[in-house]
Protein backbone atom coordinates (compact mmCIF):
# COMPACT_ATOMS: atom_id res chain seq x y z
CA MET A 1 7.84 73.19 -15.26
CA ASN A 2 11.36 74.14 -13.98
CA THR A 3 11.49 77.85 -13.74
CA LEU A 4 14.54 79.94 -12.49
CA THR A 5 13.93 83.11 -10.45
CA GLN A 6 16.00 85.61 -8.83
CA ALA A 7 16.39 85.71 -5.15
CA ASP A 8 15.59 89.44 -5.06
CA SER A 9 12.01 88.75 -6.90
CA PHE A 10 10.81 85.64 -4.77
CA ASP A 11 8.64 85.96 -1.91
CA PHE A 12 10.10 83.85 0.75
CA THR A 13 6.59 84.04 2.95
CA GLY A 14 5.91 80.95 4.48
CA TYR A 15 8.50 78.67 3.52
CA ARG A 16 11.54 76.90 5.86
CA MET A 17 13.93 74.76 5.45
CA PRO A 18 12.51 71.31 6.86
CA ALA A 19 14.82 69.53 9.26
CA GLU A 20 16.51 66.42 8.52
CA TRP A 21 14.56 64.28 10.09
CA GLU A 22 11.26 65.27 8.89
CA PRO A 23 10.16 62.77 6.28
CA HIS A 24 12.23 62.52 3.01
CA ALA A 25 11.19 62.21 -0.85
CA ALA A 26 14.67 61.16 -1.47
CA THR A 27 18.20 61.58 -1.21
CA TRP A 28 21.25 62.55 -3.77
CA LEU A 29 24.76 61.44 -4.42
CA ALA A 30 27.24 61.59 -6.54
CA TRP A 31 29.24 58.56 -7.29
CA PRO A 32 32.94 58.94 -6.79
CA ALA A 33 34.72 59.52 -9.76
CA ASN A 34 37.83 61.89 -8.92
CA LEU A 35 41.24 60.30 -8.25
CA GLU A 36 42.27 63.26 -6.59
CA THR A 37 40.25 63.40 -4.21
CA TRP A 38 40.91 59.86 -3.21
CA PRO A 39 44.35 59.12 -4.76
CA GLU A 40 44.53 55.84 -3.03
CA HIS A 41 41.06 54.65 -1.61
CA LEU A 42 38.95 55.68 -4.84
CA GLU A 43 37.36 51.87 -4.78
CA GLN A 44 37.38 51.81 -0.70
CA ALA A 45 35.18 54.58 -1.28
CA ARG A 46 33.17 53.49 -3.72
CA ASN A 47 32.24 50.28 -1.40
CA VAL A 48 30.84 53.03 1.15
CA TYR A 49 28.78 54.18 -1.42
CA LEU A 50 27.31 51.28 -2.20
CA GLN A 51 26.63 50.58 1.16
CA MET A 52 24.68 53.69 1.60
CA ILE A 53 22.61 53.50 -1.59
CA SER A 54 21.44 50.15 -0.48
CA ALA A 55 20.50 51.03 2.97
CA LEU A 56 18.53 54.42 1.55
CA SER A 57 17.14 52.84 -0.97
CA HIS A 58 14.95 50.32 1.51
CA HIS A 59 13.69 53.72 2.56
CA GLU A 60 13.56 56.36 -0.08
CA LYS A 61 14.25 57.46 -3.46
CA VAL A 62 17.98 57.68 -4.48
CA TYR A 63 19.39 59.56 -7.05
CA VAL A 64 23.48 59.48 -7.89
CA LEU A 65 24.86 61.17 -10.42
CA LEU A 66 27.24 59.57 -12.93
CA GLN A 67 29.56 60.99 -15.61
CA ASP A 68 29.59 58.56 -18.22
CA CYS A 69 28.04 55.37 -19.51
CA GLU A 70 30.60 53.22 -18.61
CA ALA A 71 30.11 53.73 -14.86
CA ASN A 72 26.13 53.22 -15.23
CA ASP A 73 26.75 49.61 -16.24
CA SER A 74 29.81 49.37 -13.69
CA LEU A 75 27.22 50.65 -11.26
CA GLU A 76 24.19 48.91 -12.40
CA GLU A 77 25.93 45.24 -11.50
CA LYS A 78 27.17 46.21 -8.14
CA LEU A 79 23.69 47.69 -7.10
CA GLN A 80 22.40 43.99 -7.35
CA GLU A 81 25.46 42.74 -5.40
CA HIS A 82 24.87 44.94 -3.08
CA GLY A 83 21.32 44.06 -2.02
CA CYS A 84 19.37 47.68 -3.44
CA LEU A 85 16.05 48.05 -4.12
CA ARG A 86 16.64 48.81 -7.87
CA ARG A 87 13.47 50.27 -8.50
CA ASN A 88 14.14 53.26 -5.71
CA VAL A 89 17.46 53.80 -7.23
CA GLN A 90 17.72 56.23 -10.40
CA LEU A 91 21.12 56.79 -12.31
CA CYS A 92 21.33 60.34 -13.69
CA HIS A 93 24.05 61.52 -16.25
CA ILE A 94 24.83 65.21 -14.74
CA PRO A 95 28.26 66.62 -14.99
CA TYR A 96 29.96 67.15 -11.76
CA ASN A 97 33.45 67.64 -10.62
CA ASP A 98 33.47 66.09 -7.23
CA SER A 99 31.05 64.19 -4.93
CA TRP A 100 30.23 66.55 -1.82
CA LEU A 101 26.40 67.19 -2.90
CA ARG A 102 26.13 68.30 0.19
CA ASP A 103 27.59 71.57 -0.03
CA SER A 104 27.05 71.40 -4.51
CA GLY A 105 23.76 70.12 -4.83
CA PRO A 106 20.57 71.95 -4.31
CA ILE A 107 18.58 73.10 -0.78
CA PHE A 108 15.06 72.67 -0.96
CA ILE A 109 12.61 74.85 1.01
CA THR A 110 9.28 73.78 1.94
CA ASN A 111 5.38 75.90 2.06
CA PRO A 112 2.63 73.16 2.32
CA ASN A 113 0.24 76.71 1.57
CA HIS A 114 1.70 77.52 -1.64
CA PRO A 115 -0.88 76.83 -4.44
CA THR A 116 1.60 76.01 -7.16
CA GLN A 117 5.00 75.57 -5.16
CA PRO A 118 5.11 73.95 -2.12
CA LEU A 119 8.71 72.80 -3.01
CA VAL A 120 11.29 74.63 -4.11
CA ALA A 121 15.39 75.04 -4.03
CA HIS A 122 18.23 76.96 -3.81
CA ASP A 123 21.27 77.45 -6.07
CA PHE A 124 23.38 79.10 -3.84
CA ILE A 125 27.11 79.73 -5.10
CA PHE A 126 29.46 77.10 -4.68
CA ASN A 127 33.31 77.90 -4.88
CA ALA A 128 34.93 75.01 -4.01
CA TRP A 129 35.27 76.26 0.20
CA GLY A 130 36.62 79.81 -1.50
CA LYS A 131 37.88 78.76 -4.40
CA LYS A 132 40.57 76.17 -2.75
CA TYR A 133 39.68 73.23 -5.73
CA GLU A 134 39.67 73.76 -9.48
CA PRO A 135 37.79 73.31 -11.80
CA TYR A 136 34.47 73.91 -10.02
CA SER A 137 31.71 75.12 -12.22
CA ASP A 138 30.05 71.59 -13.21
CA ASP A 139 29.43 71.25 -9.76
CA ASP A 140 28.30 74.91 -9.03
CA ALA A 141 25.62 74.00 -11.80
CA ILE A 142 24.23 70.91 -10.17
CA PRO A 143 21.05 72.57 -8.68
CA GLN A 144 19.90 73.70 -12.33
CA HIS A 145 20.45 70.19 -13.64
CA ALA A 146 18.52 68.55 -10.60
CA THR A 147 15.86 70.95 -10.32
CA ARG A 148 14.96 70.67 -14.31
CA LEU A 149 14.78 66.81 -13.97
CA LEU A 150 12.49 67.40 -11.25
CA GLN A 151 10.69 70.16 -12.50
CA LEU A 152 11.26 72.10 -9.39
CA PRO A 153 11.47 75.54 -9.45
CA LEU A 154 14.84 76.76 -8.75
CA ILE A 155 15.89 80.02 -7.15
CA GLN A 156 19.39 81.60 -8.36
CA HIS A 157 21.51 83.46 -5.47
CA ASP A 158 24.38 85.82 -5.74
CA PHE A 159 25.62 84.51 -2.13
CA VAL A 160 27.84 81.60 -1.42
CA LEU A 161 26.38 78.91 0.97
CA GLU A 162 27.12 75.26 1.27
CA GLY A 163 24.93 72.61 2.57
CA GLY A 164 27.33 71.43 5.49
CA SER A 165 27.61 75.06 6.98
CA ILE A 166 24.21 75.07 7.95
CA ASP A 167 22.39 72.99 10.80
CA VAL A 168 18.72 73.74 11.09
CA ASN A 169 15.66 72.27 13.60
CA GLY A 170 12.70 72.99 11.06
CA ARG A 171 11.40 75.34 14.28
CA GLY A 172 13.15 78.49 13.43
CA SER A 173 17.09 77.53 14.67
CA VAL A 174 20.12 77.13 12.53
CA LEU A 175 23.61 76.11 13.57
CA THR A 176 26.45 77.20 11.93
CA THR A 177 30.29 78.59 12.62
CA LYS A 178 31.89 81.52 12.17
CA GLN A 179 35.21 80.33 11.12
CA CYS A 180 33.30 79.46 7.87
CA LEU A 181 30.49 81.78 7.02
CA LEU A 182 32.32 85.21 8.20
CA ASN A 183 35.40 83.59 6.10
CA LYS A 184 36.75 85.94 3.45
CA ASN A 185 36.35 83.42 0.98
CA ARG A 186 32.92 83.15 0.90
CA ASN A 187 30.89 86.44 0.88
CA PRO A 188 33.78 89.22 1.62
CA HIS A 189 31.31 91.67 0.71
CA LEU A 190 28.50 91.12 3.36
CA SER A 191 28.96 91.65 7.25
CA GLN A 192 27.98 89.02 10.03
CA ALA A 193 24.43 90.88 10.29
CA GLN A 194 24.01 90.64 6.40
CA ILE A 195 25.00 87.07 6.38
CA GLU A 196 22.56 86.47 9.60
CA ASN A 197 19.78 88.00 7.74
CA ASN A 198 20.18 86.43 4.48
CA LEU A 199 20.18 83.28 6.80
CA LYS A 200 16.43 84.35 8.51
CA ARG A 201 15.38 85.17 4.77
CA PHE A 202 16.27 82.13 3.01
CA LEU A 203 15.88 79.73 5.32
CA GLY A 204 12.85 80.41 7.02
CA VAL A 205 14.46 80.76 10.71
CA THR A 206 14.80 83.19 12.98
CA ASN A 207 17.38 82.13 15.22
CA VAL A 208 21.16 82.21 14.03
CA LEU A 209 23.34 80.12 16.25
CA TRP A 210 27.06 81.14 15.95
CA LEU A 211 29.44 78.75 17.06
CA ASP A 212 33.34 79.10 16.31
CA GLU A 213 36.17 76.59 15.02
CA GLY A 214 35.50 73.46 13.26
CA ILE A 215 37.89 70.41 13.68
CA GLU A 216 41.61 69.73 12.23
CA GLY A 217 41.83 68.44 9.03
CA ASP A 218 38.44 69.93 7.41
CA ASP A 219 39.09 71.84 4.39
CA THR A 220 35.86 73.59 4.35
CA ASP A 221 37.05 75.59 7.19
CA GLY A 222 34.94 74.43 9.94
CA HIS A 223 31.60 73.10 8.75
CA VAL A 224 29.32 72.39 10.96
CA ASP A 225 28.15 69.14 10.17
CA ASP A 226 31.73 67.99 11.53
CA ILE A 227 30.93 69.11 15.40
CA THR A 228 27.22 69.70 16.18
CA ARG A 229 24.06 68.46 14.95
CA PHE A 230 20.52 68.63 15.66
CA VAL A 231 18.68 65.33 16.48
CA ASN A 232 15.61 66.99 17.37
CA ALA A 233 14.14 70.26 17.69
CA ASN A 234 15.49 70.68 20.95
CA THR A 235 18.45 67.76 21.04
CA ILE A 236 21.99 68.80 20.11
CA PHE A 237 24.98 66.42 19.33
CA THR A 238 28.25 68.08 19.81
CA VAL A 239 31.38 66.46 19.80
CA VAL A 240 33.92 66.77 22.17
CA GLU A 241 38.16 65.87 22.28
CA ASN A 242 38.88 64.31 25.41
CA ASN A 243 42.67 64.02 24.77
CA HIS A 244 43.56 67.88 26.31
CA SER A 245 46.63 67.82 24.28
CA ASP A 246 44.56 66.85 20.86
CA PRO A 247 44.14 70.14 18.92
CA ASN A 248 40.52 69.86 18.77
CA PHE A 249 40.38 70.02 22.22
CA LEU A 250 40.18 73.77 22.80
CA PRO A 251 37.77 74.84 19.96
CA LEU A 252 35.34 71.55 20.89
CA ASP A 253 34.91 72.63 24.33
CA ASN A 254 34.75 75.87 23.81
CA ASN A 255 31.95 75.12 21.25
CA ALA A 256 30.36 72.70 23.68
CA ARG A 257 30.29 75.84 26.72
CA LYS A 258 28.73 78.11 24.16
CA LEU A 259 25.70 75.88 23.49
CA ARG A 260 25.11 75.44 27.13
CA ASP A 261 24.34 79.56 27.40
CA MET A 262 22.29 79.18 23.66
CA ARG A 263 18.63 79.00 23.76
CA ASP A 264 16.31 78.19 21.02
CA GLN A 265 13.82 80.16 19.06
CA ASP A 266 11.41 80.10 21.73
CA GLY A 267 14.04 81.22 24.73
CA ASN A 268 14.63 77.77 25.83
CA PRO A 269 17.80 75.92 26.62
CA PHE A 270 18.54 72.79 24.82
CA THR A 271 19.38 69.22 26.05
CA ILE A 272 23.32 68.97 25.15
CA ILE A 273 24.91 65.91 24.51
CA GLU A 274 28.41 65.36 24.24
CA LEU A 275 29.50 62.98 21.39
CA PRO A 276 33.01 61.75 21.55
CA MET A 277 35.81 62.07 18.58
CA PRO A 278 37.11 58.97 17.56
CA ASP A 279 40.09 57.86 20.05
CA LYS A 280 42.77 57.18 17.62
CA TRP A 281 43.69 59.56 14.76
CA VAL A 282 42.62 58.60 11.08
CA GLU A 283 45.18 59.44 8.93
CA GLY A 284 44.57 59.40 4.77
CA PRO A 285 46.98 60.77 1.66
CA PHE A 286 46.12 64.55 2.93
CA GLY A 287 47.00 64.49 6.57
CA ARG A 288 44.78 64.00 9.32
CA SER A 289 41.05 63.15 8.47
CA PRO A 290 38.34 65.11 9.59
CA ALA A 291 36.83 62.24 11.26
CA SER A 292 33.66 62.61 13.24
CA TYR A 293 30.96 60.88 14.30
CA ALA A 294 28.47 63.89 13.70
CA ASN A 295 28.89 63.77 9.97
CA PHE A 296 25.89 61.47 9.85
CA LEU A 297 22.94 61.36 7.78
CA ILE A 298 19.20 61.18 9.10
CA ALA A 299 16.96 59.51 6.83
CA ASN A 300 13.30 57.20 6.79
CA ASP A 301 13.29 54.98 9.53
CA ILE A 302 16.95 54.99 9.66
CA VAL A 303 20.33 56.78 10.29
CA LEU A 304 23.61 56.03 8.71
CA VAL A 305 26.40 56.81 11.41
CA PRO A 306 30.23 57.03 9.75
CA VAL A 307 32.62 54.62 12.03
CA TYR A 308 36.28 54.30 11.83
CA SER A 309 37.21 51.33 13.92
CA ALA A 310 38.09 53.29 16.68
CA PRO A 311 37.70 51.15 20.41
CA ASN A 312 35.25 54.09 21.42
CA GLU A 313 32.13 53.32 19.07
CA ALA A 314 30.26 50.98 21.10
CA HIS A 315 29.76 54.04 23.07
CA VAL A 316 28.84 56.20 20.51
CA LEU A 317 26.32 53.91 18.92
CA SER A 318 24.59 53.72 22.20
CA LEU A 319 24.57 57.44 22.17
CA PHE A 320 22.72 57.55 18.51
CA ASN A 321 20.54 54.63 19.81
CA ASP A 322 19.31 56.69 22.74
CA ALA A 323 18.82 59.69 20.50
CA PHE A 324 16.90 58.08 17.84
CA PRO A 325 14.57 55.61 19.29
CA ASP A 326 12.43 55.30 16.38
CA ARG A 327 15.24 54.79 13.74
CA LYS A 328 17.27 51.59 13.14
CA ILE A 329 20.93 53.13 13.49
CA ILE A 330 23.66 51.83 10.57
CA PRO A 331 26.85 52.27 11.38
CA ILE A 332 29.20 52.28 8.19
CA GLU A 333 33.05 51.70 7.93
CA CYS A 334 33.96 55.10 6.79
CA SER A 335 38.13 55.44 7.01
CA ALA A 336 38.14 55.48 3.21
CA LEU A 337 35.48 57.54 2.64
CA VAL A 338 36.84 60.38 4.81
CA ALA A 339 40.33 59.97 3.37
CA GLY A 340 39.17 62.54 0.94
CA LEU A 341 38.42 64.86 3.52
CA GLY A 342 34.35 64.23 4.30
CA SER A 343 31.79 61.96 5.18
CA ILE A 344 28.61 60.39 5.11
CA HIS A 345 26.87 63.75 5.77
CA CYS A 346 29.35 65.70 3.32
CA VAL A 347 28.53 63.12 0.36
CA THR A 348 24.28 63.47 0.51
CA GLN A 349 21.93 65.81 0.42
CA GLN A 350 18.05 65.32 1.29
CA GLN A 351 14.84 65.74 -0.80
CA PRO A 352 11.72 66.70 1.24
CA LEU A 353 9.21 64.90 0.94
CA ILE A 354 6.17 67.63 -1.00
CA PRO A 355 4.38 68.56 2.29
CA SER A 356 0.23 68.10 1.73
């Protein structure tokens, strides 16, 4: 049964947010429908979604949010055309304003030792990245609808947090940025120490790693999933810009320097792998798009990697193959998707397998 609990009264002992490479039960997406997000690239963005859904469906369940029956009928035909494993795709009629499920969807935590609630979901406040885009009330309510469908307990918060602003290694460390989490358009009443305490309590971590700024074109105020990601418990991909005159050079260089001095939850240094930015700008209707190879998704047996038809991508994909030797690397051309100011990780949210 779906139950709603306030965060202040929930016992978080033993719960943690699993790392993305841990087994998934499913991945959640919301079918692109907002012309203000993709004024010139909506159909191309949908084609990217079909490639993602098809790839994921052969390895895990995929929940796809749809706004109406007309979209349902249209998508059914396209799923067959793209070779989806249809039995693993569930279409869900849930209201939403836009497609950024990483930020608006539920964030799951697990506790294999809990007798009745081994998997629960967070319902953090979603305020459209500091009230940048109206309306967003349907997006803010997605976790309630999703957990009602799944019959999972839901923890309600008075804390603004987006999934793209955090990345965990599943062992006790979380990466985030000051530009985002300390921004006054999120939780202005909280200090850095209070925000850090919330992350520790709600995500089951002990070690908060603060980077500074994100990349040009990112309207989320520096989400970490565009710049720096765990690829395993001890290894981190961080994007760097090789062109010293590019606006991204200094902030990304600063982040890379900080990472080399950081330590994990046990006091050990990380292995840092530099991932180049695309060696061409990706332009969209809003100017420079936040195209980054760090916006990948780790799923069961595969990694979906955004590419942008840039000359340096053979080298980029070789880095992914080295970092994920036991997973198939699937590059997907995402220039149209990122024209809406986000890429593969931004539009997906993983649901962990219920631990046994």
